[in-house]
Amino acid sequence: MMTEKIQLKVEGMSCGHCVKAVETGVGDLDGVKSVNVNLEKGLVDVDFDHSKVTIENIKEAIEEEGYIVK
Protein backbone atom coordinates (compact mmCIF):
# COMPACT_ATOMS: atom_id res chain seq x y z
CA MET A 1 0.00 0.00 0.00
CA MET A 2 1.41 3.34 -1.07
CA THR A 3 0.28 6.24 1.04
CA GLU A 4 0.87 9.80 0.01
CA LYS A 5 0.36 13.08 1.85
CA ILE A 6 -0.81 16.28 0.21
CA GLN A 7 -1.64 19.73 1.50
CA LEU A 8 -4.27 21.75 -0.34
CA LYS A 9 -5.06 25.45 0.02
CA VAL A 10 -8.83 25.76 0.32
CA GLU A 11 -10.82 29.00 0.26
CA GLY A 12 -14.28 29.57 1.69
CA MET A 13 -14.01 27.63 4.96
CA SER A 14 -15.05 29.82 7.86
CA CYS A 15 -16.47 27.71 10.69
CA GLY A 16 -16.69 24.33 12.37
CA HIS A 17 -19.43 23.27 9.98
CA CYS A 18 -17.07 23.92 7.05
CA VAL A 19 -14.37 21.80 8.68
CA LYS A 20 -16.82 18.94 9.26
CA ALA A 21 -18.15 19.16 5.68
CA VAL A 22 -14.66 18.94 4.18
CA GLU A 23 -13.47 16.22 6.59
CA THR A 24 -16.59 14.13 5.92
CA GLY A 25 -16.65 14.72 2.16
CA VAL A 26 -13.00 13.80 1.71
CA GLY A 27 -12.90 11.20 4.48
CA ASP A 28 -15.71 9.22 2.84
CA LEU A 29 -13.59 8.62 -0.28
CA ASP A 30 -12.25 5.08 -0.55
CA GLY A 31 -8.49 5.17 0.05
CA VAL A 32 -8.39 8.29 2.23
CA LYS A 33 -6.63 7.50 5.50
CA SER A 34 -6.95 10.84 7.28
CA VAL A 35 -8.08 14.43 6.72
CA ASN A 36 -6.94 17.34 8.84
CA VAL A 37 -8.35 20.84 8.27
CA ASN A 38 -6.54 23.93 9.55
CA LEU A 39 -9.32 26.51 9.48
CA GLU A 40 -7.10 29.51 10.37
CA LYS A 41 -4.64 28.85 7.56
CA GLY A 42 -7.19 27.47 5.07
CA LEU A 43 -5.21 24.27 4.63
CA VAL A 44 -6.37 20.68 4.24
CA ASP A 45 -3.88 17.87 4.83
CA VAL A 46 -4.86 14.52 3.35
CA ASP A 47 -3.13 11.16 3.84
CA PHE A 48 -4.32 8.76 1.14
CA ASP A 49 -3.61 5.60 -0.82
CA HIS A 50 -2.95 6.83 -4.37
CA SER A 51 -3.69 3.40 -5.81
CA LYS A 52 -7.34 3.89 -4.74
CA VAL A 53 -7.97 7.65 -4.93
CA THR A 54 -6.43 10.52 -6.91
CA ILE A 55 -5.64 14.09 -5.95
CA GLU A 56 -8.31 15.09 -8.49
CA ASN A 57 -10.89 12.97 -6.63
CA ILE A 58 -9.96 14.72 -3.39
CA LYS A 59 -10.18 18.19 -4.97
CA GLU A 60 -13.57 17.32 -6.48
CA ALA A 61 -14.87 16.16 -3.10
CA ILE A 62 -13.87 19.51 -1.54
CA GLU A 63 -15.38 21.48 -4.43
CA GLU A 64 -18.62 19.48 -4.17
CA GLU A 65 -18.91 20.77 -0.59
CA GLY A 66 -18.80 24.32 -2.00
CA TYR A 67 -15.19 25.35 -1.39
CA ILE A 68 -12.47 26.49 -3.76
CA VAL A 69 -9.24 24.51 -4.04
CA LYS A 70 -6.30 26.75 -5.03
PDB file of N, CA and C in Angstrom:
ATOM      1  N   MET A   1       0.850  -1.203   0.000  1.00  0.00           N
ATOM      2  CA  MET A   1       0.000   0.000   0.000  1.00  0.00           C
ATOM      3  C   MET A   1       0.880   1.246   0.000  1.00  0.00           C
ATOM      4  N   MET A   2       0.639   2.116  -0.957  1.00  0.00           N
ATOM      5  CA  MET A   2       1.414   3.345  -1.069  1.00  0.00           C
ATOM      6  C   MET A   2       0.592   4.521  -0.562  1.00  0.00           C
ATOM      7  N   THR A   3       1.004   5.066   0.563  1.00  0.00           N
ATOM      8  CA  THR A   3       0.282   6.242   1.043  1.00  0.00           C
ATOM      9  C   THR A   3       1.053   7.489   0.665  1.00  0.00           C
ATOM     10  N   GLU A   4       0.313   8.520   0.431  1.00  0.00           N
ATOM     11  CA  GLU A   4       0.873   9.797   0.007  1.00  0.00           C
ATOM     12  C   GLU A   4       0.197  10.878   0.844  1.00  0.00           C
ATOM     13  N   LYS A   5       0.930  11.954   1.106  1.00  0.00           N
ATOM     14  CA  LYS A   5       0.358  13.078   1.849  1.00  0.00           C
ATOM     15  C   LYS A   5       0.361  14.301   0.933  1.00  0.00           C
ATOM     16  N   ILE A   6      -0.761  15.017   0.940  1.00  0.00           N
ATOM     17  CA  ILE A   6      -0.810  16.284   0.205  1.00  0.00           C
ATOM     18  C   ILE A   6      -1.392  17.350   1.115  1.00  0.00           C
ATOM     19  N   GLN A   7      -1.058  18.595   0.795  1.00  0.00           N
ATOM     20  CA  GLN A   7      -1.642  19.728   1.504  1.00  0.00           C
ATOM     21  C   GLN A   7      -2.263  20.637   0.445  1.00  0.00           C
ATOM     22  N   LEU A   8      -3.546  20.911   0.612  1.00  0.00           N
ATOM     23  CA  LEU A   8      -4.266  21.749  -0.343  1.00  0.00           C
ATOM     24  C   LEU A   8      -4.662  23.055   0.315  1.00  0.00           C
ATOM     25  N   LYS A   9      -4.581  24.141  -0.436  1.00  0.00           N
ATOM     26  CA  LYS A   9      -5.060  25.451   0.022  1.00  0.00           C
ATOM     27  C   LYS A   9      -6.523  25.534  -0.391  1.00  0.00           C
ATOM     28  N   VAL A  10      -7.394  25.749   0.590  1.00  0.00           N
ATOM     29  CA  VAL A  10      -8.832  25.756   0.316  1.00  0.00           C
ATOM     30  C   VAL A  10      -9.428  27.074   0.791  1.00  0.00           C
ATOM     31  N   GLU A  11     -10.174  27.731  -0.083  1.00  0.00           N
ATOM     32  CA  GLU A  11     -10.823  29.004   0.258  1.00  0.00           C
ATOM     33  C   GLU A  11     -12.298  28.789   0.519  1.00  0.00           C
ATOM     34  N   GLY A  12     -12.845  29.589   1.426  1.00  0.00           N
ATOM     35  CA  GLY A  12     -14.276  29.575   1.688  1.00  0.00           C
ATOM     36  C   GLY A  12     -14.662  28.899   2.993  1.00  0.00           C
ATOM     37  N   MET A  13     -13.701  28.275   3.675  1.00  0.00           N
ATOM     38  CA  MET A  13     -14.009  27.627   4.957  1.00  0.00           C
ATOM     39  C   MET A  13     -13.957  28.682   6.053  1.00  0.00           C
ATOM     40  N   SER A  14     -15.018  28.756   6.857  1.00  0.00           N
ATOM     41  CA  SER A  14     -15.051  29.822   7.861  1.00  0.00           C
ATOM     42  C   SER A  14     -15.489  29.376   9.247  1.00  0.00           C
ATOM     43  N   CYS A  15     -15.918  28.123   9.387  1.00  0.00           N
ATOM     44  CA  CYS A  15     -16.465  27.709  10.686  1.00  0.00           C
ATOM     45  C   CYS A  15     -16.327  26.208  10.890  1.00  0.00           C
ATOM     46  N   GLY A  16     -16.747  25.751  12.047  1.00  0.00           N
ATOM     47  CA  GLY A  16     -16.692  24.334  12.369  1.00  0.00           C
ATOM     48  C   GLY A  16     -17.499  23.479  11.413  1.00  0.00           C
ATOM     49  N   HIS A  17     -18.614  24.010  10.938  1.00  0.00           N
ATOM     50  CA  HIS A  17     -19.430  23.267   9.976  1.00  0.00           C
ATOM     51  C   HIS A  17     -18.640  23.025   8.690  1.00  0.00           C
ATOM     52  N   CYS A  18     -17.893  24.050   8.261  1.00  0.00           N
ATOM     53  CA  CYS A  18     -17.069  23.925   7.049  1.00  0.00           C
ATOM     54  C   CYS A  18     -16.030  22.819   7.226  1.00  0.00           C
ATOM     55  N   VAL A  19     -15.389  22.816   8.388  1.00  0.00           N
ATOM     56  CA  VAL A  19     -14.368  21.803   8.679  1.00  0.00           C
ATOM     57  C   VAL A  19     -14.990  20.414   8.600  1.00  0.00           C
ATOM     58  N   LYS A  20     -16.154  20.249   9.236  1.00  0.00           N
ATOM     59  CA  LYS A  20     -16.821  18.942   9.256  1.00  0.00           C
ATOM     60  C   LYS A  20     -17.229  18.524   7.842  1.00  0.00           C
ATOM     61  N   ALA A  21     -17.729  19.470   7.053  1.00  0.00           N
ATOM     62  CA  ALA A  21     -18.151  19.162   5.677  1.00  0.00           C
ATOM     63  C   ALA A  21     -16.975  18.655   4.846  1.00  0.00           C
ATOM     64  N   VAL A  22     -15.837  19.337   4.950  1.00  0.00           N
ATOM     65  CA  VAL A  22     -14.657  18.935   4.181  1.00  0.00           C
ATOM     66  C   VAL A  22     -14.118  17.599   4.697  1.00  0.00           C
ATOM     67  N   GLU A  23     -14.006  17.464   6.015  1.00  0.00           N
ATOM     68  CA  GLU A  23     -13.471  16.225   6.586  1.00  0.00           C
ATOM     69  C   GLU A  23     -14.352  15.026   6.232  1.00  0.00           C
ATOM     70  N   THR A  24     -15.668  15.223   6.256  1.00  0.00           N
ATOM     71  CA  THR A  24     -16.586  14.135   5.924  1.00  0.00           C
ATOM     72  C   THR A  24     -16.561  13.841   4.424  1.00  0.00           C
ATOM     73  N   GLY A  25     -16.637  14.889   3.617  1.00  0.00           N
ATOM     74  CA  GLY A  25     -16.654  14.717   2.161  1.00  0.00           C
ATOM     75  C   GLY A  25     -15.412  14.009   1.647  1.00  0.00           C
ATOM     76  N   VAL A  26     -14.255  14.416   2.144  1.00  0.00           N
ATOM     77  CA  VAL A  26     -12.996  13.802   1.709  1.00  0.00           C
ATOM     78  C   VAL A  26     -12.791  12.457   2.413  1.00  0.00           C
ATOM     79  N   GLY A  27     -13.109  12.419   3.693  1.00  0.00           N
ATOM     80  CA  GLY A  27     -12.902  11.200   4.475  1.00  0.00           C
ATOM     81  C   GLY A  27     -13.724  10.020   4.002  1.00  0.00           C
ATOM     82  N   ASP A  28     -14.852  10.294   3.343  1.00  0.00           N
ATOM     83  CA  ASP A  28     -15.711   9.222   2.837  1.00  0.00           C
ATOM     84  C   ASP A  28     -15.168   8.576   1.560  1.00  0.00           C
ATOM     85  N   LEU A  29     -14.165   9.192   0.944  1.00  0.00           N
ATOM     86  CA  LEU A  29     -13.591   8.615  -0.276  1.00  0.00           C
ATOM     87  C   LEU A  29     -12.817   7.345   0.066  1.00  0.00           C
ATOM     88  N   ASP A  30     -12.989   6.327  -0.756  1.00  0.00           N
ATOM     89  CA  ASP A  30     -12.246   5.080  -0.552  1.00  0.00           C
ATOM     90  C   ASP A  30     -10.763   5.345  -0.777  1.00  0.00           C
ATOM     91  N   GLY A  31      -9.934   4.981   0.180  1.00  0.00           N
ATOM     92  CA  GLY A  31      -8.494   5.171   0.046  1.00  0.00           C
ATOM     93  C   GLY A  31      -7.955   6.322   0.863  1.00  0.00           C
ATOM     94  N   VAL A  32      -8.839   7.185   1.380  1.00  0.00           N
ATOM     95  CA  VAL A  32      -8.387   8.294   2.225  1.00  0.00           C
ATOM     96  C   VAL A  32      -8.186   7.779   3.645  1.00  0.00           C
ATOM     97  N   LYS A  33      -6.966   7.981   4.159  1.00  0.00           N
ATOM     98  CA  LYS A  33      -6.632   7.497   5.501  1.00  0.00           C
ATOM     99  C   LYS A  33      -6.989   8.533   6.571  1.00  0.00           C
ATOM    100  N   SER A  34      -6.646   9.790   6.307  1.00  0.00           N
ATOM    101  CA  SER A  34      -6.953  10.840   7.280  1.00  0.00           C
ATOM    102  C   SER A  34      -7.084  12.182   6.583  1.00  0.00           C
ATOM    103  N   VAL A  35      -7.865  13.067   7.213  1.00  0.00           N
ATOM    104  CA  VAL A  35      -8.079  14.427   6.720  1.00  0.00           C
ATOM    105  C   VAL A  35      -7.936  15.353   7.917  1.00  0.00           C
ATOM    106  N   ASN A  36      -7.123  16.386   7.762  1.00  0.00           N
ATOM    107  CA  ASN A  36      -6.942  17.340   8.842  1.00  0.00           C
ATOM    108  C   ASN A  36      -7.090  18.745   8.278  1.00  0.00           C
ATOM    109  N   VAL A  37      -8.087  19.490   8.764  1.00  0.00           N
ATOM    110  CA  VAL A  37      -8.351  20.840   8.271  1.00  0.00           C
ATOM    111  C   VAL A  37      -7.799  21.858   9.259  1.00  0.00           C
ATOM    112  N   ASN A  38      -7.003  22.794   8.742  1.00  0.00           N
ATOM    113  CA  ASN A  38      -6.537  23.926   9.546  1.00  0.00           C
ATOM    114  C   ASN A  38      -7.350  25.130   9.083  1.00  0.00           C
ATOM    115  N   LEU A  39      -8.375  25.463   9.868  1.00  0.00           N
ATOM    116  CA  LEU A  39      -9.319  26.512   9.480  1.00  0.00           C
ATOM    117  C   LEU A  39      -8.636  27.870   9.384  1.00  0.00           C
ATOM    118  N   GLU A  40      -7.759  28.193  10.351  1.00  0.00           N
ATOM    119  CA  GLU A  40      -7.104  29.507  10.373  1.00  0.00           C
ATOM    120  C   GLU A  40      -6.252  29.741   9.131  1.00  0.00           C
ATOM    121  N   LYS A  41      -5.541  28.710   8.705  1.00  0.00           N
ATOM    122  CA  LYS A  41      -4.644  28.850   7.556  1.00  0.00           C
ATOM    123  C   LYS A  41      -5.307  28.478   6.235  1.00  0.00           C
ATOM    124  N   GLY A  42      -6.509  27.877   6.289  1.00  0.00           N
ATOM    125  CA  GLY A  42      -7.194  27.470   5.070  1.00  0.00           C
ATOM    126  C   GLY A  42      -6.490  26.321   4.375  1.00  0.00           C
ATOM    127  N   LEU A  43      -5.951  25.396   5.184  1.00  0.00           N
ATOM    128  CA  LEU A  43      -5.214  24.265   4.628  1.00  0.00           C
ATOM    129  C   LEU A  43      -5.902  22.956   4.973  1.00  0.00           C
ATOM    130  N   VAL A  44      -5.829  22.025   4.027  1.00  0.00           N
ATOM    131  CA  VAL A  44      -6.372  20.683   4.244  1.00  0.00           C
ATOM    132  C   VAL A  44      -5.248  19.688   3.958  1.00  0.00           C
ATOM    133  N   ASP A  45      -4.885  18.922   4.985  1.00  0.00           N
ATOM    134  CA  ASP A  45      -3.881  17.868   4.832  1.00  0.00           C
ATOM    135  C   ASP A  45      -4.616  16.545   4.650  1.00  0.00           C
ATOM    136  N   VAL A  46      -4.223  15.805   3.624  1.00  0.00           N
ATOM    137  CA  VAL A  46      -4.864  14.521   3.346  1.00  0.00           C
ATOM    138  C   VAL A  46      -3.789  13.448   3.213  1.00  0.00           C
ATOM    139  N   ASP A  47      -3.992  12.346   3.925  1.00  0.00           N
ATOM    140  CA  ASP A  47      -3.132  11.162   3.839  1.00  0.00           C
ATOM    141  C   ASP A  47      -3.969  10.109   3.109  1.00  0.00           C
ATOM    142  N   PHE A  48      -3.482   9.632   1.969  1.00  0.00           N
ATOM    143  CA  PHE A  48      -4.318   8.761   1.140  1.00  0.00           C
ATOM    144  C   PHE A  48      -3.499   7.706   0.411  1.00  0.00           C
ATOM    145  N   ASP A  49      -4.190   6.683  -0.037  1.00  0.00           N
ATOM    146  CA  ASP A  49      -3.608   5.603  -0.821  1.00  0.00           C
ATOM    147  C   ASP A  49      -3.834   5.947  -2.291  1.00  0.00           C
ATOM    148  N   HIS A  50      -2.756   6.352  -2.989  1.00  0.00           N
ATOM    149  CA  HIS A  50      -2.951   6.835  -4.365  1.00  0.00           C
ATOM    150  C   HIS A  50      -3.250   5.722  -5.355  1.00  0.00           C
ATOM    151  N   SER A  51      -3.250   4.468  -4.903  1.00  0.00           N
ATOM    152  CA  SER A  51      -3.692   3.401  -5.806  1.00  0.00           C
ATOM    153  C   SER A  51      -5.222   3.299  -5.807  1.00  0.00           C
ATOM    154  N   LYS A  52      -5.872   3.944  -4.840  1.00  0.00           N
ATOM    155  CA  LYS A  52      -7.339   3.894  -4.742  1.00  0.00           C
ATOM    156  C   LYS A  52      -8.023   5.227  -5.040  1.00  0.00           C
ATOM    157  N   VAL A  53      -7.344   6.335  -4.760  1.00  0.00           N
ATOM    158  CA  VAL A  53      -7.972   7.646  -4.930  1.00  0.00           C
ATOM    159  C   VAL A  53      -6.922   8.631  -5.453  1.00  0.00           C
ATOM    160  N   THR A  54      -7.360   9.547  -6.330  1.00  0.00           N
ATOM    161  CA  THR A  54      -6.427  10.516  -6.911  1.00  0.00           C
ATOM    162  C   THR A  54      -6.579  11.879  -6.239  1.00  0.00           C
ATOM    163  N   ILE A  55      -5.572  12.718  -6.459  1.00  0.00           N
ATOM    164  CA  ILE A  55      -5.644  14.091  -5.953  1.00  0.00           C
ATOM    165  C   ILE A  55      -6.854  14.790  -6.574  1.00  0.00           C
ATOM    166  N   GLU A  56      -7.132  14.493  -7.831  1.00  0.00           N
ATOM    167  CA  GLU A  56      -8.308  15.094  -8.486  1.00  0.00           C
ATOM    168  C   GLU A  56      -9.596  14.692  -7.781  1.00  0.00           C
ATOM    169  N   ASN A  57      -9.705  13.421  -7.371  1.00  0.00           N
ATOM    170  CA  ASN A  57     -10.891  12.968  -6.634  1.00  0.00           C
ATOM    171  C   ASN A  57     -11.046  13.769  -5.342  1.00  0.00           C
ATOM    172  N   ILE A  58      -9.936  13.991  -4.660  1.00  0.00           N
ATOM    173  CA  ILE A  58      -9.957  14.721  -3.390  1.00  0.00           C
ATOM    174  C   ILE A  58     -10.382  16.171  -3.620  1.00  0.00           C
ATOM    175  N   LYS A  59      -9.807  16.804  -4.649  1.00  0.00           N
ATOM    176  CA  LYS A  59     -10.179  18.193  -4.970  1.00  0.00           C
ATOM    177  C   LYS A  59     -11.662  18.284  -5.315  1.00  0.00           C
ATOM    178  N   GLU A  60     -12.151  17.322  -6.102  1.00  0.00           N
ATOM    179  CA  GLU A  60     -13.567  17.324  -6.483  1.00  0.00           C
ATOM    180  C   GLU A  60     -14.466  17.189  -5.261  1.00  0.00           C
ATOM    181  N   ALA A  61     -14.065  16.345  -4.313  1.00  0.00           N
ATOM    182  CA  ALA A  61     -14.874  16.161  -3.099  1.00  0.00           C
ATOM    183  C   ALA A  61     -14.967  17.465  -2.313  1.00  0.00           C
ATOM    184  N   ILE A  62     -13.874  18.222  -2.251  1.00  0.00           N
ATOM    185  CA  ILE A  62     -13.872  19.506  -1.543  1.00  0.00           C
ATOM    186  C   ILE A  62     -14.747  20.505  -2.294  1.00  0.00           C
ATOM    187  N   GLU A  63     -14.597  20.549  -3.620  1.00  0.00           N
ATOM    188  CA  GLU A  63     -15.384  21.482  -4.431  1.00  0.00           C
ATOM    189  C   GLU A  63     -16.876  21.155  -4.378  1.00  0.00           C
ATOM    190  N   GLU A  64     -17.211  19.863  -4.275  1.00  0.00           N
ATOM    191  CA  GLU A  64     -18.622  19.478  -4.169  1.00  0.00           C
ATOM    192  C   GLU A  64     -19.247  19.988  -2.873  1.00  0.00           C
ATOM    193  N   GLU A  65     -18.414  20.215  -1.848  1.00  0.00           N
ATOM    194  CA  GLU A  65     -18.914  20.766  -0.585  1.00  0.00           C
ATOM    195  C   GLU A  65     -19.049  22.294  -0.671  1.00  0.00           C
ATOM    196  N   GLY A  66     -18.609  22.886  -1.775  1.00  0.00           N
ATOM    197  CA  GLY A  66     -18.799  24.316  -2.004  1.00  0.00           C
ATOM    198  C   GLY A  66     -17.587  25.185  -1.743  1.00  0.00           C
ATOM    199  N   TYR A  67     -16.405  24.583  -1.664  1.00  0.00           N
ATOM    200  CA  TYR A  67     -15.187  25.352  -1.389  1.00  0.00           C
ATOM    201  C   TYR A  67     -14.285  25.368  -2.610  1.00  0.00           C
ATOM    202  N   ILE A  68     -13.349  26.310  -2.616  1.00  0.00           N
ATOM    203  CA  ILE A  68     -12.465  26.494  -3.765  1.00  0.00           C
ATOM    204  C   ILE A  68     -11.080  25.973  -3.408  1.00  0.00           C
ATOM    205  N   VAL A  69     -10.579  25.043  -4.238  1.00  0.00           N
ATOM    206  CA  VAL A  69      -9.238  24.512  -4.041  1.00  0.00           C
ATOM    207  C   VAL A  69      -8.295  25.328  -4.904  1.00  0.00           C
ATOM    208  N   LYS A  70      -7.273  25.910  -4.310  1.00  0.00           N
ATOM    209  CA  LYS A  70      -6.302  26.746  -5.034  1.00  0.00           C
ATOM    210  C   LYS A  70      -5.170  25.907  -5.581  1.00  0.00           C
TER     211      LYS A  70
END
